[in-house]
Amino acid sequence: GGGDVASLPSPLGGLVPRRDEAQEAEELLEREERQQAMAELEGLAMELQVEVRKGEETLENERRNHAAQVRALEGKCVDAQDKANALEEALQQVFEQGLAGSPTRGG
């Protein structure tokens, strides 16, 4: 029975995985871990992009608000300047009228 000898190693082969099988398993694991890590990183990147977009929107809103505030302030300044000019003119008129009203003051 030469065939009996050939059948002996088979149970051993079943229990102990061959080297390349172990390597394949490890590589599979590594690949899965890598894919998982990549997926996690992609998720983080997506979250970051959302945060960035939110930040940009907030910035844009702030800029708009700021611009509106600046315009309002500029408007107030212009109003104040107009009032100041009007006051000066009124004072000038009063002064001139005062002078015209009393040409011989103190005489």
PDB file of N, CA and C in Angstrom:
ATOM      1  N   GLY A   1       0.780  -1.205   0.000  1.00  0.00           N
ATOM      2  CA  GLY A   1       0.000   0.000   0.000  1.00  0.00           C
ATOM      3  C   GLY A   1       0.801   1.238   0.000  1.00  0.00           C
ATOM      4  N   GLY A   2       1.327   1.667  -1.168  1.00  0.00           N
ATOM      5  CA  GLY A   2       2.050   2.912  -1.252  1.00  0.00           C
ATOM      6  C   GLY A   2       1.140   4.117  -1.065  1.00  0.00           C
ATOM      7  N   GLY A   3      -0.203   3.987  -1.314  1.00  0.00           N
ATOM      8  CA  GLY A   3      -1.144   5.110  -1.209  1.00  0.00           C
ATOM      9  C   GLY A   3      -1.366   5.539   0.219  1.00  0.00           C
ATOM     10  N   ASP A   4      -1.157   4.661   1.209  1.00  0.00           N
ATOM     11  CA  ASP A   4      -1.387   4.991   2.619  1.00  0.00           C
ATOM     12  C   ASP A   4      -0.448   6.102   3.084  1.00  0.00           C
ATOM     13  N   VAL A   5       0.779   6.095   2.649  1.00  0.00           N
ATOM     14  CA  VAL A   5       1.775   7.077   3.078  1.00  0.00           C
ATOM     15  C   VAL A   5       1.359   8.476   2.617  1.00  0.00           C
ATOM     16  N   ALA A   6       0.831   8.574   1.389  1.00  0.00           N
ATOM     17  CA  ALA A   6       0.467   9.879   0.827  1.00  0.00           C
ATOM     18  C   ALA A   6      -0.688  10.507   1.596  1.00  0.00           C
ATOM     19  N   SER A   7      -1.538   9.710   2.242  1.00  0.00           N
ATOM     20  CA  SER A   7      -2.713  10.255   2.908  1.00  0.00           C
ATOM     21  C   SER A   7      -2.398  10.762   4.310  1.00  0.00           C
ATOM     22  N   LEU A   8      -1.212  10.508   4.848  1.00  0.00           N
ATOM     23  CA  LEU A   8      -0.879  10.932   6.203  1.00  0.00           C
ATOM     24  C   LEU A   8      -0.770  12.447   6.372  1.00  0.00           C
ATOM     25  N   PRO A   9      -0.057  13.168   5.498  1.00  0.00           N
ATOM     26  CA  PRO A   9       0.122  14.606   5.722  1.00  0.00           C
ATOM     27  C   PRO A   9      -1.174  15.421   5.622  1.00  0.00           C
ATOM     28  N   SER A  10      -2.211  14.912   5.033  1.00  0.00           N
ATOM     29  CA  SER A  10      -3.406  15.711   4.794  1.00  0.00           C
ATOM     30  C   SER A  10      -4.037  16.275   6.080  1.00  0.00           C
ATOM     31  N   PRO A  11      -4.194  15.520   7.188  1.00  0.00           N
ATOM     32  CA  PRO A  11      -4.749  16.144   8.396  1.00  0.00           C
ATOM     33  C   PRO A  11      -3.872  17.274   8.924  1.00  0.00           C
ATOM     34  N   LEU A  12      -2.565  17.110   8.833  1.00  0.00           N
ATOM     35  CA  LEU A  12      -1.651  18.164   9.249  1.00  0.00           C
ATOM     36  C   LEU A  12      -1.853  19.406   8.394  1.00  0.00           C
ATOM     37  N   GLY A  13      -1.921  19.203   7.076  1.00  0.00           N
ATOM     38  CA  GLY A  13      -2.134  20.303   6.152  1.00  0.00           C
ATOM     39  C   GLY A  13      -3.417  21.052   6.468  1.00  0.00           C
ATOM     40  N   GLY A  14      -4.438  20.356   6.942  1.00  0.00           N
ATOM     41  CA  GLY A  14      -5.709  20.980   7.289  1.00  0.00           C
ATOM     42  C   GLY A  14      -5.595  21.823   8.550  1.00  0.00           C
ATOM     43  N   LEU A  15      -4.802  21.363   9.524  1.00  0.00           N
ATOM     44  CA  LEU A  15      -4.702  22.070  10.797  1.00  0.00           C
ATOM     45  C   LEU A  15      -3.792  23.285  10.688  1.00  0.00           C
ATOM     46  N   VAL A  16      -2.589  23.086  10.143  1.00  0.00           N
ATOM     47  CA  VAL A  16      -1.628  24.183  10.055  1.00  0.00           C
ATOM     48  C   VAL A  16      -1.744  24.834   8.679  1.00  0.00           C
ATOM     49  N   PRO A  17      -2.168  26.092   8.614  1.00  0.00           N
ATOM     50  CA  PRO A  17      -2.281  26.749   7.303  1.00  0.00           C
ATOM     51  C   PRO A  17      -0.907  26.946   6.696  1.00  0.00           C
ATOM     52  N   ARG A  18      -0.844  26.812   5.379  1.00  0.00           N
ATOM     53  CA  ARG A  18       0.431  27.018   4.708  1.00  0.00           C
ATOM     54  C   ARG A  18       0.844  28.474   4.823  1.00  0.00           C
ATOM     55  N   ARG A  19       2.132  28.704   4.624  1.00  0.00           N
ATOM     56  CA  ARG A  19       2.708  30.041   4.801  1.00  0.00           C
ATOM     57  C   ARG A  19       1.993  31.065   3.915  1.00  0.00           C
ATOM     58  N   ASP A  20       1.792  30.747   2.648  1.00  0.00           N
ATOM     59  CA  ASP A  20       1.179  31.715   1.741  1.00  0.00           C
ATOM     60  C   ASP A  20      -0.273  31.993   2.133  1.00  0.00           C
ATOM     61  N   GLU A  21      -0.950  31.000   2.679  1.00  0.00           N
ATOM     62  CA  GLU A  21      -2.325  31.222   3.142  1.00  0.00           C
ATOM     63  C   GLU A  21      -2.335  32.210   4.302  1.00  0.00           C
ATOM     64  N   ALA A  22      -1.399  32.015   5.237  1.00  0.00           N
ATOM     65  CA  ALA A  22      -1.301  32.927   6.375  1.00  0.00           C
ATOM     66  C   ALA A  22      -1.002  34.339   5.885  1.00  0.00           C
ATOM     67  N   GLN A  23      -0.092  34.444   4.923  1.00  0.00           N
ATOM     68  CA  GLN A  23       0.247  35.758   4.359  1.00  0.00           C
ATOM     69  C   GLN A  23      -0.975  36.394   3.716  1.00  0.00           C
ATOM     70  N   GLU A  24      -1.708  35.559   2.948  1.00  0.00           N
ATOM     71  CA  GLU A  24      -2.909  36.075   2.289  1.00  0.00           C
ATOM     72  C   GLU A  24      -3.894  36.604   3.319  1.00  0.00           C
ATOM     73  N   ALA A  25      -4.081  35.835   4.392  1.00  0.00           N
ATOM     74  CA  ALA A  25      -5.008  36.249   5.441  1.00  0.00           C
ATOM     75  C   ALA A  25      -4.568  37.579   6.049  1.00  0.00           C
ATOM     76  N   GLU A  26      -3.262  37.670   6.327  1.00  0.00           N
ATOM     77  CA  GLU A  26      -2.733  38.912   6.897  1.00  0.00           C
ATOM     78  C   GLU A  26      -2.952  40.083   5.946  1.00  0.00           C
ATOM     79  N   GLU A  27      -2.643  39.848   4.674  1.00  0.00           N
ATOM     80  CA  GLU A  27      -2.797  40.901   3.677  1.00  0.00           C
ATOM     81  C   GLU A  27      -4.253  41.336   3.559  1.00  0.00           C
ATOM     82  N   LEU A  28      -5.148  40.321   3.612  1.00  0.00           N
ATOM     83  CA  LEU A  28      -6.577  40.637   3.572  1.00  0.00           C
ATOM     84  C   LEU A  28      -6.944  41.538   4.748  1.00  0.00           C
ATOM     85  N   LEU A  29      -6.473  41.139   5.946  1.00  0.00           N
ATOM     86  CA  LEU A  29      -6.745  41.924   7.149  1.00  0.00           C
ATOM     87  C   LEU A  29      -6.213  43.344   6.990  1.00  0.00           C
ATOM     88  N   GLU A  30      -4.961  43.429   6.535  1.00  0.00           N
ATOM     89  CA  GLU A  30      -4.340  44.737   6.360  1.00  0.00           C
ATOM     90  C   GLU A  30      -5.143  45.589   5.388  1.00  0.00           C
ATOM     91  N   ARG A  31      -5.559  44.942   4.288  1.00  0.00           N
ATOM     92  CA  ARG A  31      -6.312  45.677   3.277  1.00  0.00           C
ATOM     93  C   ARG A  31      -7.625  46.184   3.874  1.00  0.00           C
ATOM     94  N   GLU A  32      -8.296  45.308   4.637  1.00  0.00           N
ATOM     95  CA  GLU A  32      -9.558  45.709   5.268  1.00  0.00           C
ATOM     96  C   GLU A  32      -9.337  46.870   6.226  1.00  0.00           C
ATOM     97  N   GLU A  33      -8.271  46.761   7.033  1.00  0.00           N
ATOM     98  CA  GLU A  33      -7.961  47.830   7.988  1.00  0.00           C
ATOM     99  C   GLU A  33      -7.674  49.134   7.255  1.00  0.00           C
ATOM    100  N   ARG A  34      -6.909  48.991   6.160  1.00  0.00           N
ATOM    101  CA  ARG A  34      -6.553  50.177   5.379  1.00  0.00           C
ATOM    102  C   ARG A  34      -7.818  50.813   4.804  1.00  0.00           C
ATOM    103  N   GLN A  35      -8.701  49.961   4.258  1.00  0.00           N
ATOM    104  CA  GLN A  35      -9.950  50.482   3.690  1.00  0.00           C
ATOM    105  C   GLN A  35     -10.779  51.171   4.771  1.00  0.00           C
ATOM    106  N   GLN A  36     -10.819  50.548   5.960  1.00  0.00           N
ATOM    107  CA  GLN A  36     -11.578  51.133   7.068  1.00  0.00           C
ATOM    108  C   GLN A  36     -10.981  52.492   7.448  1.00  0.00           C
ATOM    109  N   ALA A  37      -9.653  52.527   7.545  1.00  0.00           N
ATOM    110  CA  ALA A  37      -8.968  53.777   7.877  1.00  0.00           C
ATOM    111  C   ALA A  37      -9.259  54.839   6.827  1.00  0.00           C
ATOM    112  N   MET A  38      -9.208  54.429   5.557  1.00  0.00           N
ATOM    113  CA  MET A  38      -9.488  55.364   4.473  1.00  0.00           C
ATOM    114  C   MET A  38     -10.921  55.884   4.578  1.00  0.00           C
ATOM    115  N   ALA A  39     -11.848  54.970   4.854  1.00  0.00           N
ATOM    116  CA  ALA A  39     -13.252  55.367   4.990  1.00  0.00           C
ATOM    117  C   ALA A  39     -13.401  56.376   6.126  1.00  0.00           C
ATOM    118  N   GLU A  40     -12.733  56.099   7.250  1.00  0.00           N
ATOM    119  CA  GLU A  40     -12.793  57.014   8.389  1.00  0.00           C
ATOM    120  C   GLU A  40     -12.221  58.378   8.014  1.00  0.00           C
ATOM    121  N   LEU A  41     -11.073  58.344   7.322  1.00  0.00           N
ATOM    122  CA  LEU A  41     -10.436  59.588   6.894  1.00  0.00           C
ATOM    123  C   LEU A  41     -11.349  60.363   5.955  1.00  0.00           C
ATOM    124  N   GLU A  42     -11.986  59.638   5.024  1.00  0.00           N
ATOM    125  CA  GLU A  42     -12.898  60.301   4.092  1.00  0.00           C
ATOM    126  C   GLU A  42     -14.050  60.941   4.857  1.00  0.00           C
ATOM    127  N   GLY A  43     -14.555  60.216   5.861  1.00  0.00           N
ATOM    128  CA  GLY A  43     -15.629  60.766   6.683  1.00  0.00           C
ATOM    129  C   GLY A  43     -15.183  62.036   7.383  1.00  0.00           C
ATOM    130  N   LEU A  44     -13.975  61.993   7.953  1.00  0.00           N
ATOM    131  CA  LEU A  44     -13.425  63.174   8.620  1.00  0.00           C
ATOM    132  C   LEU A  44     -13.280  64.324   7.642  1.00  0.00           C
ATOM    133  N   ALA A  45     -12.777  64.014   6.453  1.00  0.00           N
ATOM    134  CA  ALA A  45     -12.600  65.043   5.430  1.00  0.00           C
ATOM    135  C   ALA A  45     -13.932  65.684   5.081  1.00  0.00           C
ATOM    136  N   MET A  46     -14.973  64.850   4.946  1.00  0.00           N
ATOM    137  CA  MET A  46     -16.304  65.373   4.638  1.00  0.00           C
ATOM    138  C   MET A  46     -16.757  66.313   5.749  1.00  0.00           C
ATOM    139  N   GLU A  47     -16.597  65.873   7.011  1.00  0.00           N
ATOM    140  CA  GLU A  47     -16.991  66.707   8.149  1.00  0.00           C
ATOM    141  C   GLU A  47     -16.237  68.031   8.121  1.00  0.00           C
ATOM    142  N   LEU A  48     -14.933  67.946   7.844  1.00  0.00           N
ATOM    143  CA  LEU A  48     -14.112  69.159   7.786  1.00  0.00           C
ATOM    144  C   LEU A  48     -14.615  70.092   6.696  1.00  0.00           C
ATOM    145  N   GLN A  49     -14.944  69.526   5.536  1.00  0.00           N
ATOM    146  CA  GLN A  49     -15.451  70.350   4.443  1.00  0.00           C
ATOM    147  C   GLN A  49     -16.730  71.062   4.868  1.00  0.00           C
ATOM    148  N   VAL A  50     -17.612  70.335   5.567  1.00  0.00           N
ATOM    149  CA  VAL A  50     -18.846  70.944   6.061  1.00  0.00           C
ATOM    150  C   VAL A  50     -18.513  72.090   7.005  1.00  0.00           C
ATOM    151  N   GLU A  51     -17.567  71.836   7.932  1.00  0.00           N
ATOM    152  CA  GLU A  51     -17.148  72.872   8.879  1.00  0.00           C
ATOM    153  C   GLU A  51     -16.599  74.087   8.141  1.00  0.00           C
ATOM    154  N   VAL A  52     -15.743  73.813   7.144  1.00  0.00           N
ATOM    155  CA  VAL A  52     -15.140  74.907   6.365  1.00  0.00           C
ATOM    156  C   VAL A  52     -16.236  75.717   5.687  1.00  0.00           C
ATOM    157  N   ARG A  53     -17.207  75.010   5.090  1.00  0.00           N
ATOM    158  CA  ARG A  53     -18.289  75.705   4.394  1.00  0.00           C
ATOM    159  C   ARG A  53     -19.066  76.563   5.388  1.00  0.00           C
ATOM    160  N   LYS A  54     -19.370  75.989   6.564  1.00  0.00           N
ATOM    161  CA  LYS A  54     -20.067  76.758   7.604  1.00  0.00           C
ATOM    162  C   LYS A  54     -19.273  77.997   7.963  1.00  0.00           C
ATOM    163  N   GLY A  55     -17.965  77.793   8.170  1.00  0.00           N
ATOM    164  CA  GLY A  55     -17.094  78.909   8.527  1.00  0.00           C
ATOM    165  C   GLY A  55     -17.103  79.990   7.463  1.00  0.00           C
ATOM    166  N   GLU A  56     -17.040  79.550   6.194  1.00  0.00           N
ATOM    167  CA  GLU A  56     -17.039  80.520   5.099  1.00  0.00           C
ATOM    168  C   GLU A  56     -18.358  81.279   5.071  1.00  0.00           C
ATOM    169  N   GLU A  57     -19.485  80.560   5.281  1.00  0.00           N
ATOM    170  CA  GLU A  57     -20.786  81.224   5.300  1.00  0.00           C
ATOM    171  C   GLU A  57     -20.835  82.239   6.426  1.00  0.00           C
ATOM    172  N   THR A  58     -20.360  81.824   7.613  1.00  0.00           N
ATOM    173  CA  THR A  58     -20.344  82.729   8.767  1.00  0.00           C
ATOM    174  C   THR A  58     -19.509  83.959   8.446  1.00  0.00           C
ATOM    175  N   LEU A  59     -18.319  83.727   7.866  1.00  0.00           N
ATOM    176  CA  LEU A  59     -17.446  84.835   7.483  1.00  0.00           C
ATOM    177  C   LEU A  59     -18.162  85.775   6.528  1.00  0.00           C
ATOM    178  N   GLU A  60     -18.817  85.187   5.515  1.00  0.00           N
ATOM    179  CA  GLU A  60     -19.515  85.995   4.518  1.00  0.00           C
ATOM    180  C   GLU A  60     -20.608  86.826   5.191  1.00  0.00           C
ATOM    181  N   ASN A  61     -21.366  86.179   6.094  1.00  0.00           N
ATOM    182  CA  ASN A  61     -22.408  86.900   6.824  1.00  0.00           C
ATOM    183  C   ASN A  61     -21.804  88.030   7.644  1.00  0.00           C
ATOM    184  N   GLU A  62     -20.698  87.712   8.353  1.00  0.00           N
ATOM    185  CA  GLU A  62     -20.024  88.733   9.158  1.00  0.00           C
ATOM    186  C   GLU A  62     -19.599  89.898   8.278  1.00  0.00           C
ATOM    187  N   ARG A  63     -19.034  89.546   7.105  1.00  0.00           N
ATOM    188  CA  ARG A  63     -18.572  90.585   6.187  1.00  0.00           C
ATOM    189  C   ARG A  63     -19.741  91.459   5.762  1.00  0.00           C
ATOM    190  N   ARG A  64     -20.863  90.791   5.429  1.00  0.00           N
ATOM    191  CA  ARG A  64     -22.044  91.542   4.992  1.00  0.00           C
ATOM    192  C   ARG A  64     -22.536  92.439   6.125  1.00  0.00           C
ATOM    193  N   ASN A  65     -22.636  91.853   7.320  1.00  0.00           N
ATOM    194  CA  ASN A  65     -23.074  92.635   8.487  1.00  0.00           C
ATOM    195  C   ASN A  65     -22.143  93.812   8.704  1.00  0.00           C
ATOM    196  N   HIS A  66     -20.841  93.521   8.627  1.00  0.00           N
ATOM    197  CA  HIS A  66     -19.843  94.562   8.831  1.00  0.00           C
ATOM    198  C   HIS A  66     -20.018  95.660   7.787  1.00  0.00           C
ATOM    199  N   ALA A  67     -20.172  95.252   6.538  1.00  0.00           N
ATOM    200  CA  ALA A  67     -20.357  96.221   5.460  1.00  0.00           C
ATOM    201  C   ALA A  67     -21.600  97.065   5.724  1.00  0.00           C
ATOM    202  N   ALA A  68     -22.668  96.400   6.165  1.00  0.00           N
ATOM    203  CA  ALA A  68     -23.903  97.127   6.459  1.00  0.00           C
ATOM    204  C   ALA A  68     -23.669  98.118   7.598  1.00  0.00           C
ATOM    205  N   GLN A  69     -22.957  97.675   8.640  1.00  0.00           N
ATOM    206  CA  GLN A  69     -22.654  98.554   9.764  1.00  0.00           C
ATOM    207  C   GLN A  69     -21.820  99.740   9.307  1.00  0.00           C
ATOM    208  N   VAL A  70     -20.817  99.441   8.480  1.00  0.00           N
ATOM    209  CA  VAL A  70     -19.951 100.506   7.974  1.00  0.00           C
ATOM    210  C   VAL A  70     -20.783 101.505   7.176  1.00  0.00           C
ATOM    211  N   ARG A  71     -21.665 100.968   6.315  1.00  0.00           N
ATOM    212  CA  ARG A  71     -22.513 101.863   5.515  1.00  0.00           C
ATOM    213  C   ARG A  71     -23.392 102.700   6.428  1.00  0.00           C
ATOM    214  N   ALA A  72     -23.958 102.079   7.452  1.00  0.00           N
ATOM    215  CA  ALA A  72     -24.807 102.814   8.398  1.00  0.00           C
ATOM    216  C   ALA A  72     -24.008 103.915   9.072  1.00  0.00           C
ATOM    217  N   LEU A  73     -22.777 103.559   9.522  1.00  0.00           N
ATOM    218  CA  LEU A  73     -21.918 104.554  10.168  1.00  0.00           C
ATOM    219  C   LEU A  73     -21.577 105.682   9.205  1.00  0.00           C
ATOM    220  N   GLU A  74     -21.257 105.302   7.968  1.00  0.00           N
ATOM    221  CA  GLU A  74     -20.942 106.314   6.966  1.00  0.00           C
ATOM    222  C   GLU A  74     -22.142 107.228   6.765  1.00  0.00           C
ATOM    223  N   GLY A  75     -23.322 106.602   6.705  1.00  0.00           N
ATOM    224  CA  GLY A  75     -24.545 107.395   6.565  1.00  0.00           C
ATOM    225  C   GLY A  75     -24.699 108.366   7.723  1.00  0.00           C
ATOM    226  N   LYS A  76     -24.472 107.880   8.952  1.00  0.00           N
ATOM    227  CA  LYS A  76     -24.568 108.740  10.136  1.00  0.00           C
ATOM    228  C   LYS A  76     -23.558 109.877  10.050  1.00  0.00           C
ATOM    229  N   CYS A  77     -22.347 109.547   9.623  1.00  0.00           N
ATOM    230  CA  CYS A  77     -21.304 110.571   9.496  1.00  0.00           C
ATOM    231  C   CYS A  77     -21.728 111.631   8.488  1.00  0.00           C
ATOM    232  N   VAL A  78     -22.267 111.166   7.342  1.00  0.00           N
ATOM    233  CA  VAL A  78     -22.718 112.104   6.306  1.00  0.00           C
ATOM    234  C   VAL A  78     -23.830 112.977   6.874  1.00  0.00           C
ATOM    235  N   ASP A  79     -24.782 112.352   7.591  1.00  0.00           N
ATOM    236  CA  ASP A  79     -25.871 113.116   8.208  1.00  0.00           C
ATOM    237  C   ASP A  79     -25.306 114.160   9.157  1.00  0.00           C
ATOM    238  N   ALA A  80     -24.385 113.720  10.004  1.00  0.00           N
ATOM    239  CA  ALA A  80     -23.789 114.638  10.978  1.00  0.00           C
ATOM    240  C   ALA A  80     -23.092 115.786  10.252  1.00  0.00           C
ATOM    241  N   GLN A  81     -22.372 115.439   9.182  1.00  0.00           N
ATOM    242  CA  GLN A  81     -21.667 116.462   8.401  1.00  0.00           C
ATOM    243  C   GLN A  81     -22.669 117.447   7.803  1.00  0.00           C
ATOM    244  N   ASP A  82     -23.766 116.899   7.251  1.00  0.00           N
ATOM    245  CA  ASP A  82     -24.811 117.759   6.683  1.00  0.00           C
ATOM    246  C   ASP A  82     -25.356 118.695   7.750  1.00  0.00           C
ATOM    247  N   LYS A  83     -25.644 118.137   8.936  1.00  0.00           N
ATOM    248  CA  LYS A  83     -26.185 118.952  10.020  1.00  0.00           C
ATOM    249  C   LYS A  83     -25.180 120.027  10.426  1.00  0.00           C
ATOM    250  N   ALA A  84     -23.915 119.609  10.508  1.00  0.00           N
ATOM    251  CA  ALA A  84     -22.868 120.565  10.869  1.00  0.00           C
ATOM    252  C   ALA A  84     -22.807 121.686   9.832  1.00  0.00           C
ATOM    253  N   ASN A  85     -22.859 121.313   8.562  1.00  0.00           N
ATOM    254  CA  ASN A  85     -22.833 122.314   7.490  1.00  0.00           C
ATOM    255  C   ASN A  85     -24.046 123.237   7.600  1.00  0.00           C
ATOM    256  N   ALA A  86     -25.217 122.646   7.811  1.00  0.00           N
ATOM    257  CA  ALA A  86     -26.439 123.432   7.926  1.00  0.00           C
ATOM    258  C   ALA A  86     -26.329 124.395   9.108  1.00  0.00           C
ATOM    259  N   LEU A  87     -25.792 123.897  10.222  1.00  0.00           N
ATOM    260  CA  LEU A  87     -25.615 124.746  11.407  1.00  0.00           C
ATOM    261  C   LEU A  87     -24.670 125.903  11.105  1.00  0.00           C
ATOM    262  N   GLU A  88     -23.570 125.561  10.426  1.00  0.00           N
ATOM    263  CA  GLU A  88     -22.602 126.609  10.081  1.00  0.00           C
ATOM    264  C   GLU A  88     -23.265 127.682   9.224  1.00  0.00           C
ATOM    265  N   GLU A  89     -24.025 127.223   8.220  1.00  0.00           N
ATOM    266  CA  GLU A  89     -24.704 128.168   7.343  1.00  0.00           C
ATOM    267  C   GLU A  89     -25.680 129.033   8.144  1.00  0.00           C
ATOM    268  N   ALA A  90     -26.446 128.364   9.017  1.00  0.00           N
ATOM    269  CA  ALA A  90     -27.412 129.105   9.830  1.00  0.00           C
ATOM    270  C   ALA A  90     -26.690 130.121  10.696  1.00  0.00           C
ATOM    271  N   LEU A  91     -25.595 129.686  11.324  1.00  0.00           N
ATOM    272  CA  LEU A  91     -24.817 130.602  12.163  1.00  0.00           C
ATOM    273  C   LEU A  91     -24.285 131.766  11.334  1.00  0.00           C
ATOM    274  N   GLN A  92     -23.806 131.434  10.146  1.00  0.00           N
ATOM    275  CA  GLN A  92     -23.273 132.467   9.244  1.00  0.00           C
ATOM    276  C   GLN A  92     -24.365 133.493   8.927  1.00  0.00           C
ATOM    277  N   GLN A  93     -25.572 132.960   8.605  1.00  0.00           N
ATOM    278  CA  GLN A  93     -26.684 133.855   8.278  1.00  0.00           C
ATOM    279  C   GLN A  93     -27.039 134.723   9.486  1.00  0.00           C
ATOM    280  N   VAL A  94     -27.131 134.069  10.669  1.00  0.00           N
ATOM    281  CA  VAL A  94     -27.455 134.825  11.883  1.00  0.00           C
ATOM    282  C   VAL A  94     -26.396 135.890  12.119  1.00  0.00           C
ATOM    283  N   PHE A  95     -25.152 135.507  11.945  1.00  0.00           N
ATOM    284  CA  PHE A  95     -24.038 136.437  12.157  1.00  0.00           C
ATOM    285  C   PHE A  95     -24.139 137.621  11.190  1.00  0.00           C
ATOM    286  N   GLU A  96     -24.349 137.265   9.895  1.00  0.00           N
ATOM    287  CA  GLU A  96     -24.459 138.318   8.878  1.00  0.00           C
ATOM    288  C   GLU A  96     -25.676 139.196   9.148  1.00  0.00           C
ATOM    289  N   GLN A  97     -26.809 138.571   9.496  1.00  0.00           N
ATOM    290  CA  GLN A  97     -28.018 139.335   9.786  1.00  0.00           C
ATOM    291  C   GLN A  97     -27.799 140.219  11.004  1.00  0.00           C
ATOM    292  N   GLY A  98     -27.080 139.621  11.983  1.00  0.00           N
ATOM    293  CA  GLY A  98     -26.781 140.393  13.184  1.00  0.00           C
ATOM    294  C   GLY A  98     -25.948 141.626  12.832  1.00  0.00           C
ATOM    295  N   LEU A  99     -24.961 141.420  11.971  1.00  0.00           N
ATOM    296  CA  LEU A  99     -24.113 142.527  11.537  1.00  0.00           C
ATOM    297  C   LEU A  99     -24.942 143.531  10.763  1.00  0.00           C
ATOM    298  N   ALA A 100     -25.789 143.049   9.875  1.00  0.00           N
ATOM    299  CA  ALA A 100     -26.608 143.940   9.048  1.00  0.00           C
ATOM    300  C   ALA A 100     -27.626 144.659   9.932  1.00  0.00           C
ATOM    301  N   GLY A 101     -28.127 143.958  10.963  1.00  0.00           N
ATOM    302  CA  GLY A 101     -29.130 144.566  11.825  1.00  0.00           C
ATOM    303  C   GLY A 101     -28.570 145.701  12.648  1.00  0.00           C
ATOM    304  N   SER A 102     -27.316 145.605  13.055  1.00  0.00           N
ATOM    305  CA  SER A 102     -26.729 146.666  13.877  1.00  0.00           C
ATOM    306  C   SER A 102     -25.439 147.128  13.269  1.00  0.00           C
ATOM    307  N   PRO A 103     -25.514 147.947  12.200  1.00  0.00           N
ATOM    308  CA  PRO A 103     -24.302 148.393  11.527  1.00  0.00           C
ATOM    309  C   PRO A 103     -23.524 149.359  12.387  1.00  0.00           C
ATOM    310  N   THR A 104     -24.197 150.080  13.233  1.00  0.00           N
ATOM    311  CA  THR A 104     -23.473 151.057  14.068  1.00  0.00           C
ATOM    312  C   THR A 104     -23.516 150.603  15.498  1.00  0.00           C
ATOM    313  N   ARG A 105     -22.815 149.494  15.765  1.00  0.00           N
ATOM    314  CA  ARG A 105     -22.826 148.954  17.120  1.00  0.00           C
ATOM    315  C   ARG A 105     -21.810 149.718  17.967  1.00  0.00           C
ATOM    316  N   GLY A 106     -22.212 150.034  19.162  1.00  0.00           N
ATOM    317  CA  GLY A 106     -21.316 150.701  20.102  1.00  0.00           C
ATOM    318  C   GLY A 106     -21.067 152.151  19.700  1.00  0.00           C
ATOM    319  N   GLY A 107     -21.892 152.682  18.821  1.00  0.00           N
ATOM    320  CA  GLY A 107     -21.642 154.065  18.441  1.00  0.00           C
ATOM    321  C   GLY A 107     -22.864 154.846  18.762  1.00  0.00           C
TER     322      GLY A 107
END
